Amino acid sequence: MPSKPAKPIRSHNASTPLLASLVVASAYLLGATVFSIASAAPQTPERAIRFAAAAGPVATPAAAPGLEPELPPAALIETSATVPALAPTPTPTTMPAPASAAPRRPRIALIIDDVGLDASAAARVLALDIPLTVAILPYADAAASTARSAEAGGRDVLVHVPMEPLGLADPGPHALRVDLGDADLRARIRWAMARVPGAIGLNNHMGSRFTRDPRALRVALGAIAGQAPLFVDSMTTADSRGLAVAEGLGLAVLRRDVFLDHVIAADSIAERLVEAQSLARAQGHAVVIGHPHDLTLDALESWIGEAEAAGFEFVTVTTLSAALRAMPAEQISASIAQ
C-alpha cells in the first residue's frame, strides 16, 4: 500500500529571522539619519575645539624642497577661537642689488720741501695744478708771503723745521739740536711755527740725529701739541722715533715713503716716480717728497698728467691723514708705518 506523501513541516519560527533583519535594518537607517542631521548642525567653537582635540593632531603634508608648507585645514582655522587667521602671504618682490662702491684710486700725497728761498722756484711749485703740500723753511725771507700764496691756492702748508743731522751739513739758523735745553727747544720750535702763517703742521729739514733722540723730540713737539698739528716724519734716518713720539703726544702723523731727488738726475727721478706709483698701488697711497730743483719740477710737470690719466689721485697731507685716521687701528699701523 503506497504511503501517503509527507506533509511539509511548518515551523512557527520561520518568519522570525526575516522580521529581525527588517527591524535591524530600520534601526540602522534611523540611526544614520539622526547622525547625519546632527553632523549638519553648526557646532560652537568650544565643541569644535574639543572635537579636534579628541580626534588627535591633524597631519600636515611635508613641504617639498623650495616650496612653502601647506596651510592647516581651513575648517580648524575658521572654527577655532584660539587660532588667529593667517595673513595672506605677500608676493615676493625682487629688490635691485645695491650698486657697489667705485674702487678707490691709489692716492699720492706730494710734498715739496725747502720752499721759500727762491721766488721763481716757489712760483713753479705753486703752479702745479694738483692738491699739493708745500713745506716752507721758516728762516726764508719770503716764508710768510709764500705761505699765504700757497694757502690761498688751496695747498697744505707745513713748516720745514731745521733739525740737527748726523753729518757736518748745516741745517740752517735756529735749528733744533739734541744738546739744547728744554726751554731753548720750546722757544725755537715756537719761533719756527710763528714764521709760517696758516701752517697745518711740520716736517723735519735734515734731522737724522735729532729725530733719533726721543727726549729732544718729545720736548719740541710737546711745545706745539696744543695746536694739534700734523707731523710728517721725513725719515732722514731709519732710526727715527718721530712716529712713536708724535703719536704719544696725540699728534696726527705720516711718514715719507719716497724721496724723488736724493740723486738729482733725470733718470733717477724718473725711477723714483715709477717707485711711487708702484707703492701707491700696493698700499693704497704713497707720501712722496721732492725739492724745487729744476730737474725735479721738469719731471713733475710732465708726469702729473700721465699719473692722473693712469688712475692716480693727488691729495694733500691733511686729506690723506684724515682718511688713514678713519681706518681701523690695525690698518692705520700697516698704512703709515711701512
Protein backbone atom coordinates (compact mmCIF):
# COMPACT_ATOMS: atom_id res chain seq x y z
CA MET A 1 0.00 0.00 0.00
CA PRO A 2 1.51 3.16 -1.13
CA SER A 3 2.46 5.52 1.59
CA LYS A 4 1.00 8.98 1.77
CA PRO A 5 3.18 11.91 0.89
CA ALA A 6 4.62 13.56 3.93
CA LYS A 7 3.14 16.89 4.84
CA PRO A 8 5.50 19.81 4.96
CA ILE A 9 6.56 20.51 8.40
CA ARG A 10 5.65 24.03 9.49
CA SER A 11 7.82 25.93 11.81
CA HIS A 12 6.31 28.67 13.81
CA ASN A 13 9.78 30.29 13.92
CA ALA A 14 10.44 30.54 10.16
CA SER A 15 9.42 34.19 9.88
CA THR A 16 11.46 35.25 12.89
CA PRO A 17 14.83 35.81 11.13
CA LEU A 18 13.23 37.81 8.38
CA LEU A 19 11.41 40.02 10.83
CA ALA A 20 14.56 40.51 12.89
CA SER A 21 16.52 41.56 9.82
CA LEU A 22 13.87 44.11 8.91
CA VAL A 23 13.95 45.56 12.40
CA VAL A 24 17.75 45.83 12.45
CA ALA A 25 17.83 47.50 9.03
CA SER A 26 15.18 50.01 10.06
CA ALA A 27 17.07 50.86 13.20
CA TYR A 28 20.34 51.32 11.24
CA LEU A 29 18.64 53.64 8.75
CA LEU A 30 17.08 55.64 11.55
CA GLY A 31 20.42 55.96 13.35
CA ALA A 32 22.21 57.05 10.17
CA THR A 33 19.56 59.70 9.53
CA VAL A 34 19.88 61.08 13.06
CA PHE A 35 23.69 61.10 12.82
CA SER A 36 23.57 62.96 9.50
CA ILE A 37 21.26 65.61 10.91
CA ALA A 38 23.45 66.03 13.98
CA SER A 39 26.56 66.34 11.86
CA ALA A 40 24.97 69.03 9.68
CA ALA A 41 24.10 71.20 12.67
CA PRO A 42 26.59 74.09 13.27
CA GLN A 43 29.00 73.49 16.12
CA THR A 44 30.04 76.07 18.64
CA PRO A 45 33.72 76.93 18.71
CA GLU A 46 34.06 75.18 22.04
CA ARG A 47 32.65 71.92 20.61
CA ALA A 48 34.87 72.22 17.59
CA ILE A 49 37.98 72.58 19.76
CA ARG A 50 37.00 69.53 21.83
CA PHE A 51 36.35 67.61 18.65
CA ALA A 52 39.68 68.49 17.20
CA ALA A 53 41.46 67.56 20.43
CA ALA A 54 39.64 64.23 20.64
CA ALA A 55 40.40 63.42 17.05
CA GLY A 56 44.13 63.95 17.64
CA PRO A 57 46.59 66.20 15.76
CA VAL A 58 45.97 66.88 12.12
CA ALA A 59 48.77 65.60 9.92
CA THR A 60 50.21 68.28 7.62
CA PRO A 61 51.94 67.07 4.47
CA ALA A 62 55.64 67.75 4.44
CA ALA A 63 56.71 70.61 2.16
CA ALA A 64 58.68 69.79 -0.93
CA PRO A 65 62.09 71.44 -1.10
CA GLY A 66 61.81 75.04 -2.24
CA LEU A 67 58.07 75.32 -1.56
CA GLU A 68 56.13 76.82 1.33
CA PRO A 69 54.28 74.20 3.51
CA GLU A 70 50.54 73.98 3.02
CA LEU A 71 48.30 75.88 5.40
CA PRO A 72 46.39 74.00 8.17
CA PRO A 73 42.88 72.73 7.20
CA ALA A 74 40.51 75.65 6.70
CA ALA A 75 37.81 74.18 8.99
CA LEU A 76 40.10 74.34 12.02
CA ILE A 77 41.11 77.92 11.26
CA GLU A 78 37.54 79.09 10.85
CA THR A 79 36.05 77.34 13.92
CA SER A 80 38.83 77.64 16.47
CA ALA A 81 38.59 80.69 18.70
CA THR A 82 42.22 80.34 19.79
CA VAL A 83 43.86 80.17 16.38
CA PRO A 84 44.17 83.56 14.65
CA ALA A 85 43.50 83.78 10.95
CA LEU A 86 46.66 83.74 8.88
CA ALA A 87 47.52 86.80 6.82
CA PRO A 88 47.91 86.18 3.11
CA THR A 89 51.49 85.51 2.07
CA PRO A 90 52.87 88.61 0.33
CA THR A 91 54.06 88.20 -3.19
CA PRO A 92 57.86 88.29 -3.13
CA THR A 93 59.43 91.17 -4.97
CA THR A 94 62.89 91.31 -6.43
CA MET A 95 64.91 94.14 -4.88
CA PRO A 96 67.60 95.69 -7.02
CA ALA A 97 71.10 94.82 -5.87
CA PRO A 98 72.89 97.78 -4.24
CA ALA A 99 75.38 99.44 -6.50
CA SER A 100 78.90 98.51 -5.48
CA ALA A 101 81.11 101.37 -4.40
CA ALA A 102 83.58 102.50 -7.00
CA PRO A 103 87.08 101.26 -6.17
CA ARG A 104 89.22 103.94 -4.53
CA ARG A 105 92.03 105.23 -6.70
CA PRO A 106 95.56 104.97 -5.31
CA ARG A 107 96.47 108.28 -3.69
CA ILE A 108 99.71 110.24 -3.80
CA ALA A 109 100.47 112.99 -1.29
CA LEU A 110 103.19 115.10 -2.92
CA ILE A 111 105.25 117.36 -0.65
CA ILE A 112 107.76 119.90 -1.98
CA ASP A 113 110.36 120.75 0.66
CA ASP A 114 112.73 123.74 1.00
CA VAL A 115 110.22 126.23 -0.43
CA GLY A 116 110.67 129.94 0.21
CA LEU A 117 114.31 130.65 -0.57
CA ASP A 118 113.84 131.02 -4.35
CA ALA A 119 110.83 133.05 -5.51
CA SER A 120 110.83 131.74 -9.09
CA ALA A 121 111.09 128.12 -7.91
CA ALA A 122 108.25 128.74 -5.45
CA ALA A 123 106.13 130.12 -8.30
CA ARG A 124 106.72 126.93 -10.34
CA VAL A 125 105.78 124.79 -7.34
CA LEU A 126 102.53 126.68 -6.76
CA ALA A 127 101.70 126.43 -10.47
CA LEU A 128 101.45 122.63 -10.25
CA ASP A 129 97.76 122.08 -10.82
CA ILE A 130 97.08 119.38 -8.21
CA PRO A 131 96.27 119.20 -4.50
CA LEU A 132 99.74 119.82 -3.12
CA THR A 133 101.64 120.29 0.14
CA VAL A 134 104.46 122.83 0.41
CA ALA A 135 107.00 122.71 3.25
CA ILE A 136 108.39 126.21 3.84
CA LEU A 137 111.70 126.95 5.56
CA PRO A 138 110.95 129.27 8.49
CA TYR A 139 114.16 131.30 8.12
CA ALA A 140 113.39 132.20 4.46
CA ASP A 141 112.73 135.91 3.97
CA ALA A 142 109.64 135.11 1.89
CA ALA A 143 108.31 132.47 4.30
CA ALA A 144 105.17 134.36 5.30
CA SER A 145 104.22 135.62 1.83
CA THR A 146 104.85 132.21 0.25
CA ALA A 147 102.70 130.57 2.91
CA ARG A 148 99.84 132.98 2.26
CA SER A 149 100.03 132.38 -1.50
CA ALA A 150 100.04 128.61 -1.01
CA GLU A 151 97.12 128.73 1.40
CA ALA A 152 95.12 130.97 -0.97
CA GLY A 153 95.65 128.38 -3.71
CA GLY A 154 94.20 125.60 -1.57
CA ARG A 155 97.54 123.99 -0.76
CA ASP A 156 98.52 122.50 2.58
CA VAL A 157 101.38 124.36 4.26
CA LEU A 158 103.96 122.72 6.53
CA VAL A 159 106.79 124.35 8.48
CA HIS A 160 110.01 122.73 7.30
CA VAL A 161 111.72 122.82 10.71
CA PRO A 162 115.55 122.65 10.64
CA MET A 163 116.88 119.81 12.82
CA GLU A 164 120.36 118.54 13.58
CA PRO A 165 121.79 115.95 11.15
CA LEU A 166 124.33 113.21 11.86
CA GLY A 167 126.95 114.67 9.50
CA LEU A 168 128.53 118.08 9.21
CA ALA A 169 125.84 119.67 7.00
CA ASP A 170 124.39 122.92 8.27
CA PRO A 171 120.59 122.70 8.73
CA GLY A 172 120.24 126.47 8.94
CA PRO A 173 119.65 129.07 11.64
CA HIS A 174 117.69 128.28 14.78
CA ALA A 175 117.90 124.52 14.16
CA LEU A 176 116.76 122.09 16.84
CA ARG A 177 119.76 120.30 18.40
CA VAL A 178 119.92 117.46 20.87
CA ASP A 179 122.25 119.38 23.21
CA LEU A 180 119.77 122.23 23.72
CA GLY A 181 117.86 122.51 26.97
CA ASP A 182 114.10 122.20 27.17
CA ALA A 183 113.49 125.95 27.22
CA ASP A 184 115.60 126.56 24.11
CA LEU A 185 113.94 123.73 22.22
CA ARG A 186 110.48 125.07 23.02
CA ALA A 187 111.47 128.61 22.04
CA ARG A 188 112.99 127.57 18.70
CA ILE A 189 110.09 125.43 17.52
CA ARG A 190 107.56 128.08 18.52
CA TRP A 191 109.55 130.67 16.58
CA ALA A 192 109.58 128.41 13.53
CA MET A 193 105.81 127.82 13.63
CA ALA A 194 105.12 131.54 14.04
CA ARG A 195 107.19 132.35 10.92
CA VAL A 196 104.85 130.39 8.62
CA PRO A 197 101.23 131.60 9.00
CA GLY A 198 98.47 129.14 8.21
CA ALA A 199 100.66 126.05 8.61
CA ILE A 200 98.74 122.89 9.44
CA GLY A 201 101.81 121.07 10.72
CA LEU A 202 105.52 120.48 10.25
CA ASN A 203 108.13 118.15 8.89
CA ASN A 204 111.85 117.90 9.52
CA HIS A 205 114.58 119.53 7.41
CA MET A 206 117.55 117.16 7.80
CA GLY A 207 117.29 115.94 11.42
CA SER A 208 118.84 112.47 11.16
CA ARG A 209 120.41 112.99 14.61
CA PHE A 210 117.61 114.94 16.24
CA THR A 211 114.77 112.57 15.26
CA ARG A 212 116.66 109.66 16.85
CA ASP A 213 116.50 111.36 20.27
CA PRO A 214 113.16 110.72 21.99
CA ARG A 215 113.79 113.24 24.78
CA ALA A 216 114.54 116.13 22.44
CA LEU A 217 111.68 115.23 20.10
CA ARG A 218 109.20 114.97 22.96
CA VAL A 219 110.14 118.39 24.32
CA ALA A 220 109.98 120.09 20.90
CA LEU A 221 106.77 118.50 19.64
CA GLY A 222 105.18 118.76 23.07
CA ALA A 223 105.61 122.55 22.94
CA ILE A 224 103.20 122.76 19.98
CA ALA A 225 100.99 119.73 20.65
CA GLY A 226 98.22 122.05 21.86
CA GLN A 227 97.87 123.33 18.30
CA ALA A 228 97.09 119.72 17.24
CA PRO A 229 99.38 119.88 14.20
CA LEU A 230 100.23 117.14 11.75
CA PHE A 231 103.80 115.84 11.90
CA VAL A 232 105.25 114.36 8.72
CA ASP A 233 108.41 112.43 9.51
CA SER A 234 110.72 112.91 6.52
CA MET A 235 112.53 109.71 7.57
CA THR A 236 116.06 111.01 7.03
CA THR A 237 117.11 108.08 9.20
CA ALA A 238 115.67 104.61 9.59
CA ASP A 239 116.12 105.00 13.36
CA SER A 240 113.72 107.93 13.66
CA ARG A 241 111.49 107.98 16.73
CA GLY A 242 109.18 110.54 15.20
CA LEU A 243 106.18 108.24 14.77
CA ALA A 244 106.18 106.94 18.33
CA VAL A 245 106.79 110.32 19.96
CA ALA A 246 104.25 112.20 17.85
CA GLU A 247 101.55 109.58 18.39
CA GLY A 248 102.29 109.56 22.13
CA LEU A 249 101.65 113.31 22.20
CA GLY A 250 98.37 112.92 20.30
CA LEU A 251 99.58 114.41 17.02
CA ALA A 252 98.47 113.11 13.65
CA VAL A 253 101.49 111.64 11.86
CA LEU A 254 102.56 110.46 8.42
CA ARG A 255 105.85 109.03 7.22
CA ARG A 256 107.68 109.69 3.97
CA ASP A 257 107.69 106.78 1.54
CA VAL A 258 109.76 108.05 -1.44
CA PHE A 259 112.38 110.77 -1.92
CA LEU A 260 112.28 111.82 -5.58
CA ASP A 261 115.58 113.61 -5.86
CA HIS A 262 118.05 112.25 -3.35
CA VAL A 263 120.08 111.91 -6.53
CA ILE A 264 119.46 114.96 -8.72
CA ALA A 265 119.45 113.32 -12.14
CA ALA A 266 116.63 112.94 -14.65
CA ASP A 267 116.90 109.14 -14.90
CA SER A 268 116.97 108.71 -11.14
CA ILE A 269 113.97 110.99 -10.63
CA ALA A 270 112.03 109.07 -13.29
CA GLU A 271 112.79 105.80 -11.48
CA ARG A 272 111.59 107.24 -8.19
CA LEU A 273 108.31 108.33 -9.81
CA VAL A 274 107.75 104.77 -11.02
CA GLU A 275 108.54 103.56 -7.49
CA ALA A 276 105.96 105.99 -6.06
CA GLN A 277 103.28 104.69 -8.42
CA SER A 278 104.03 101.05 -7.57
CA LEU A 279 103.92 101.74 -3.85
CA ALA A 280 100.66 103.70 -4.11
CA ARG A 281 99.07 100.78 -5.96
CA ALA A 282 100.38 98.27 -3.41
CA GLN A 283 99.35 100.02 -0.19
CA GLY A 284 96.69 102.43 -1.46
CA HIS A 285 98.76 105.58 -1.01
CA ALA A 286 102.28 106.98 -1.06
CA VAL A 287 103.83 110.01 0.67
CA VAL A 288 106.33 111.47 -1.80
CA ILE A 289 108.84 114.26 -1.10
CA GLY A 290 110.68 116.31 -3.69
CA HIS A 291 112.54 119.62 -3.79
CA PRO A 292 112.25 122.70 -6.01
CA HIS A 293 115.15 121.72 -8.28
CA ASP A 294 114.68 122.44 -11.98
CA LEU A 295 115.06 118.77 -12.92
CA THR A 296 112.53 117.70 -10.28
CA LEU A 297 109.96 120.29 -11.38
CA ASP A 298 110.53 119.42 -15.06
CA ALA A 299 109.80 115.78 -14.30
CA LEU A 300 106.73 116.58 -12.22
CA GLU A 301 105.25 118.90 -14.82
CA SER A 302 105.26 116.15 -17.43
CA TRP A 303 104.43 113.25 -15.08
CA ILE A 304 101.42 114.61 -13.19
CA GLY A 305 99.03 114.46 -16.13
CA GLU A 306 100.18 110.94 -17.00
CA ALA A 307 99.67 109.78 -13.42
CA GLU A 308 96.15 111.19 -13.28
CA ALA A 309 95.31 109.53 -16.61
CA ALA A 310 96.63 106.24 -15.19
CA GLY A 311 94.14 106.49 -12.30
CA PHE A 312 96.17 108.05 -9.51
CA GLU A 313 94.63 110.69 -7.23
CA PHE A 314 96.70 113.52 -5.79
CA VAL A 315 95.78 114.59 -2.25
CA THR A 316 97.12 116.90 0.43
CA VAL A 317 98.62 115.52 3.60
CA THR A 318 95.60 116.56 5.67
CA THR A 319 93.28 114.66 3.35
CA LEU A 320 95.42 111.55 3.49
CA SER A 321 95.93 111.76 7.24
CA ALA A 322 92.21 112.11 7.88
CA ALA A 323 91.48 109.11 5.67
CA LEU A 324 94.04 106.95 7.45
CA ARG A 325 92.89 108.02 10.91
CA ALA A 326 89.34 106.99 9.99
CA MET A 327 90.53 103.46 9.30
CA PRO A 328 90.62 100.70 11.96
CA ALA A 329 93.71 100.86 14.16
CA GLU A 330 95.38 97.80 12.68
CA GLN A 331 95.04 99.25 9.17
CA ILE A 332 96.44 102.62 10.27
CA SER A 333 99.58 100.93 11.60
CA ALA A 334 100.01 98.99 8.38
CA SER A 335 99.47 102.09 6.27
CA ILE A 336 101.64 104.70 7.96
CA ALA A 337 104.42 102.53 9.34
CA GLN A 338 105.64 100.92 6.13
